[in-house]
């Protein structure tokens, strides 16, 4: 199976989504103070996670983009070096 890692990733994403829906639907008011820097911290966590994923998957991303741009260059008539 060539895309088995993608299927596993999608099932993990689906499970994560439903856990989030379950937790957010049963939330109670907190009556607590939230620091103004908390939002920025959450944005930083999401950005760091995204950057880490791109670093770990950089080989697959290069392969995907290489296929796309080589097809574009072939259709245009340019020579493609590999």
N, C-alpha and C. Protein backbone atom coordinates (compact mmCIF):
# COMPACT_ATOMS: atom_id res chain seq x y z
N UNK A 1 0.84 -1.18 0.00
CA UNK A 1 0.00 0.00 0.00
C UNK A 1 0.89 1.25 0.00
N UNK A 2 0.78 1.98 -1.02
CA UNK A 2 1.64 3.13 -1.19
C UNK A 2 1.26 4.30 -0.29
N UNK A 3 -0.02 4.50 -0.05
CA UNK A 3 -0.48 5.64 0.74
C UNK A 3 -1.02 5.22 2.10
N UNK A 4 -0.48 4.15 2.66
CA UNK A 4 -0.98 3.68 3.95
C UNK A 4 -0.71 4.70 5.05
N UNK A 5 0.41 5.42 4.96
CA UNK A 5 0.71 6.44 5.97
C UNK A 5 -0.32 7.57 5.91
N UNK A 6 -0.86 7.85 4.71
CA UNK A 6 -1.85 8.91 4.57
C UNK A 6 -3.18 8.47 5.18
N UNK A 7 -3.54 7.21 5.00
CA UNK A 7 -4.79 6.70 5.57
C UNK A 7 -4.70 6.70 7.08
N UNK A 8 -3.56 6.30 7.64
CA UNK A 8 -3.39 6.34 9.08
C UNK A 8 -3.47 7.77 9.59
N UNK A 9 -2.89 8.70 8.86
CA UNK A 9 -2.93 10.11 9.25
C UNK A 9 -4.34 10.66 9.22
N UNK A 10 -5.12 10.25 8.22
CA UNK A 10 -6.50 10.72 8.15
C UNK A 10 -7.34 10.16 9.28
N UNK A 11 -7.12 8.89 9.64
CA UNK A 11 -7.89 8.33 10.74
C UNK A 11 -7.50 8.99 12.05
N UNK A 12 -6.22 9.31 12.23
CA UNK A 12 -5.79 10.03 13.42
C UNK A 12 -6.40 11.42 13.46
N UNK A 13 -6.46 12.08 12.30
CA UNK A 13 -7.07 13.40 12.22
C UNK A 13 -8.56 13.33 12.56
N UNK A 14 -9.23 12.30 12.08
CA UNK A 14 -10.66 12.12 12.36
C UNK A 14 -10.89 11.89 13.85
N UNK A 15 -10.08 11.06 14.47
CA UNK A 15 -10.21 10.80 15.91
C UNK A 15 -9.95 12.08 16.70
N UNK A 16 -8.93 12.83 16.30
CA UNK A 16 -8.61 14.08 16.98
C UNK A 16 -9.76 15.07 16.86
N UNK A 17 -10.36 15.15 15.68
CA UNK A 17 -11.49 16.04 15.47
C UNK A 17 -12.66 15.68 16.39
N UNK A 18 -13.01 14.39 16.46
CA UNK A 18 -14.15 13.99 17.28
C UNK A 18 -13.86 14.16 18.77
N UNK A 19 -12.63 13.96 19.19
CA UNK A 19 -12.29 14.22 20.59
C UNK A 19 -12.45 15.71 20.89
N UNK A 20 -12.00 16.56 19.97
CA UNK A 20 -12.16 18.00 20.14
C UNK A 20 -13.63 18.39 20.21
N UNK A 21 -14.46 17.82 19.33
CA UNK A 21 -15.89 18.11 19.35
C UNK A 21 -16.51 17.67 20.67
N UNK A 22 -16.15 16.49 21.15
CA UNK A 22 -16.69 15.99 22.41
C UNK A 22 -16.28 16.87 23.58
N UNK A 23 -15.01 17.23 23.65
CA UNK A 23 -14.52 18.05 24.75
C UNK A 23 -15.14 19.44 24.71
N UNK A 24 -15.22 20.05 23.53
CA UNK A 24 -15.76 21.40 23.44
C UNK A 24 -17.27 21.44 23.66
N UNK A 25 -17.98 20.36 23.39
CA UNK A 25 -19.42 20.36 23.61
C UNK A 25 -19.78 20.14 25.08
N UNK A 26 -18.86 19.62 25.86
CA UNK A 26 -19.14 19.39 27.28
C UNK A 26 -18.44 20.41 28.17
N UNK A 27 -17.95 21.50 27.59
CA UNK A 27 -17.21 22.50 28.35
C UNK A 27 -18.13 23.28 29.28
N UNK A 28 -17.62 23.62 30.43
CA UNK A 28 -18.32 24.43 31.42
C UNK A 28 -17.63 25.78 31.53
N UNK A 29 -18.33 26.80 31.98
CA UNK A 29 -17.67 28.09 32.18
C UNK A 29 -16.53 27.97 33.19
N UNK A 30 -15.42 28.62 32.92
CA UNK A 30 -14.24 28.48 33.76
C UNK A 30 -14.18 29.52 34.86
N UNK A 31 -14.71 30.72 34.63
CA UNK A 31 -14.64 31.81 35.59
C UNK A 31 -13.20 32.05 36.03
N UNK A 32 -12.30 32.12 35.07
CA UNK A 32 -10.89 32.29 35.37
C UNK A 32 -10.33 33.40 34.50
N UNK A 33 -9.22 33.96 34.92
CA UNK A 33 -8.54 35.01 34.17
C UNK A 33 -7.65 34.37 33.11
N UNK A 34 -7.73 34.88 31.88
CA UNK A 34 -6.87 34.40 30.80
C UNK A 34 -5.93 35.54 30.44
N UNK A 35 -4.67 35.28 30.53
CA UNK A 35 -3.63 36.27 30.24
C UNK A 35 -3.69 36.70 28.77
N UNK A 36 -3.48 37.97 28.46
CA UNK A 36 -3.52 38.41 27.06
C UNK A 36 -2.46 37.72 26.18
N UNK A 37 -1.37 37.28 26.75
CA UNK A 37 -0.33 36.60 25.97
C UNK A 37 -0.68 35.17 25.61
N UNK A 38 -1.77 34.65 26.14
CA UNK A 38 -2.15 33.26 25.89
C UNK A 38 -2.46 33.03 24.42
N UNK A 39 -3.15 33.96 23.79
CA UNK A 39 -3.48 33.82 22.38
C UNK A 39 -2.23 33.77 21.52
N UNK A 40 -1.28 34.64 21.82
CA UNK A 40 -0.03 34.64 21.08
C UNK A 40 0.75 33.35 21.30
N UNK A 41 0.70 32.83 22.52
CA UNK A 41 1.36 31.57 22.81
C UNK A 41 0.74 30.43 22.00
N UNK A 42 -0.58 30.42 21.87
CA UNK A 42 -1.25 29.39 21.07
C UNK A 42 -0.86 29.50 19.60
N UNK A 43 -0.78 30.74 19.09
CA UNK A 43 -0.37 30.94 17.70
C UNK A 43 1.06 30.45 17.51
N UNK A 44 1.92 30.71 18.48
CA UNK A 44 3.31 30.25 18.41
C UNK A 44 3.38 28.73 18.41
N UNK A 45 2.56 28.08 19.22
CA UNK A 45 2.56 26.62 19.26
C UNK A 45 2.12 26.03 17.92
N UNK A 46 1.07 26.60 17.33
CA UNK A 46 0.59 26.11 16.04
C UNK A 46 1.64 26.34 14.96
N UNK A 47 2.26 27.51 14.96
CA UNK A 47 3.29 27.81 13.96
C UNK A 47 4.50 26.91 14.11
N UNK A 48 4.90 26.65 15.35
CA UNK A 48 6.05 25.77 15.59
C UNK A 48 5.74 24.33 15.16
N UNK A 49 4.53 23.90 15.43
CA UNK A 49 4.13 22.55 15.02
C UNK A 49 4.16 22.43 13.50
N UNK A 50 3.63 23.45 12.82
CA UNK A 50 3.61 23.44 11.36
C UNK A 50 5.04 23.44 10.80
N UNK A 51 5.91 24.27 11.36
CA UNK A 51 7.30 24.33 10.90
C UNK A 51 8.01 23.00 11.13
N UNK A 52 7.75 22.37 12.28
CA UNK A 52 8.34 21.06 12.56
C UNK A 52 7.87 20.00 11.59
N UNK A 53 6.59 20.02 11.27
CA UNK A 53 6.06 19.05 10.30
C UNK A 53 6.70 19.25 8.94
N UNK A 54 6.85 20.51 8.52
CA UNK A 54 7.48 20.79 7.23
C UNK A 54 8.94 20.33 7.23
N UNK A 55 9.63 20.49 8.35
CA UNK A 55 11.01 20.04 8.44
C UNK A 55 11.09 18.53 8.33
N UNK A 56 10.19 17.82 9.01
CA UNK A 56 10.22 16.37 8.97
C UNK A 56 9.78 15.80 7.62
N UNK A 57 8.89 16.49 6.94
CA UNK A 57 8.35 15.99 5.68
C UNK A 57 8.96 16.67 4.46
N UNK A 58 10.11 17.34 4.62
CA UNK A 58 10.68 18.13 3.53
C UNK A 58 11.03 17.29 2.32
N UNK A 59 11.44 16.05 2.50
CA UNK A 59 11.79 15.20 1.36
C UNK A 59 10.55 14.88 0.53
N UNK A 60 9.46 14.56 1.19
CA UNK A 60 8.22 14.26 0.45
C UNK A 60 7.68 15.51 -0.24
N UNK A 61 7.82 16.66 0.41
CA UNK A 61 7.34 17.90 -0.19
C UNK A 61 8.17 18.23 -1.43
N UNK A 62 9.48 18.05 -1.35
CA UNK A 62 10.34 18.31 -2.51
C UNK A 62 9.99 17.37 -3.66
N UNK A 63 9.73 16.10 -3.36
CA UNK A 63 9.37 15.15 -4.40
C UNK A 63 8.05 15.57 -5.07
N UNK A 64 7.08 15.96 -4.26
CA UNK A 64 5.78 16.37 -4.80
C UNK A 64 5.91 17.61 -5.67
N UNK A 65 6.61 18.62 -5.16
CA UNK A 65 6.77 19.85 -5.93
C UNK A 65 7.63 19.62 -7.17
N UNK A 66 8.61 18.73 -7.06
CA UNK A 66 9.43 18.41 -8.22
C UNK A 66 8.63 17.78 -9.34
N UNK A 67 7.73 16.90 -8.99
CA UNK A 67 6.86 16.29 -10.01
C UNK A 67 5.98 17.34 -10.66
N UNK A 68 5.41 18.21 -9.84
CA UNK A 68 4.50 19.23 -10.36
C UNK A 68 5.22 20.18 -11.29
N UNK A 69 6.38 20.69 -10.86
CA UNK A 69 7.09 21.67 -11.67
C UNK A 69 7.75 21.03 -12.89
N UNK A 70 8.14 19.77 -12.81
CA UNK A 70 8.72 19.13 -13.99
C UNK A 70 7.64 18.93 -15.06
N UNK A 71 6.43 18.61 -14.66
CA UNK A 71 5.33 18.48 -15.62
C UNK A 71 5.01 19.82 -16.26
N UNK A 72 5.05 20.87 -15.45
CA UNK A 72 4.78 22.21 -15.97
C UNK A 72 5.84 22.62 -16.98
N UNK A 73 7.11 22.33 -16.68
CA UNK A 73 8.20 22.68 -17.57
C UNK A 73 8.14 21.86 -18.86
N UNK A 74 7.77 20.58 -18.75
CA UNK A 74 7.66 19.73 -19.95
C UNK A 74 6.53 20.23 -20.85
N UNK A 75 5.43 20.66 -20.26
CA UNK A 75 4.31 21.17 -21.05
C UNK A 75 4.69 22.49 -21.72
N UNK A 76 5.51 23.26 -21.05
CA UNK A 76 5.95 24.54 -21.59
C UNK A 76 7.02 24.36 -22.66
N UNK A 77 7.77 23.26 -22.60
CA UNK A 77 8.80 22.99 -23.58
C UNK A 77 10.20 23.26 -23.09
N UNK A 78 10.37 23.59 -21.83
CA UNK A 78 11.70 23.83 -21.26
C UNK A 78 12.36 22.51 -20.93
N UNK A 79 13.68 22.51 -20.89
CA UNK A 79 14.40 21.31 -20.47
C UNK A 79 14.45 21.25 -18.95
N UNK A 80 14.34 20.06 -18.42
CA UNK A 80 14.32 19.88 -16.97
C UNK A 80 15.55 19.07 -16.58
N UNK A 81 16.35 19.61 -15.67
CA UNK A 81 17.51 18.88 -15.17
C UNK A 81 17.13 18.10 -13.95
N UNK A 82 17.64 16.87 -13.84
CA UNK A 82 17.34 16.05 -12.66
C UNK A 82 18.61 15.65 -12.00
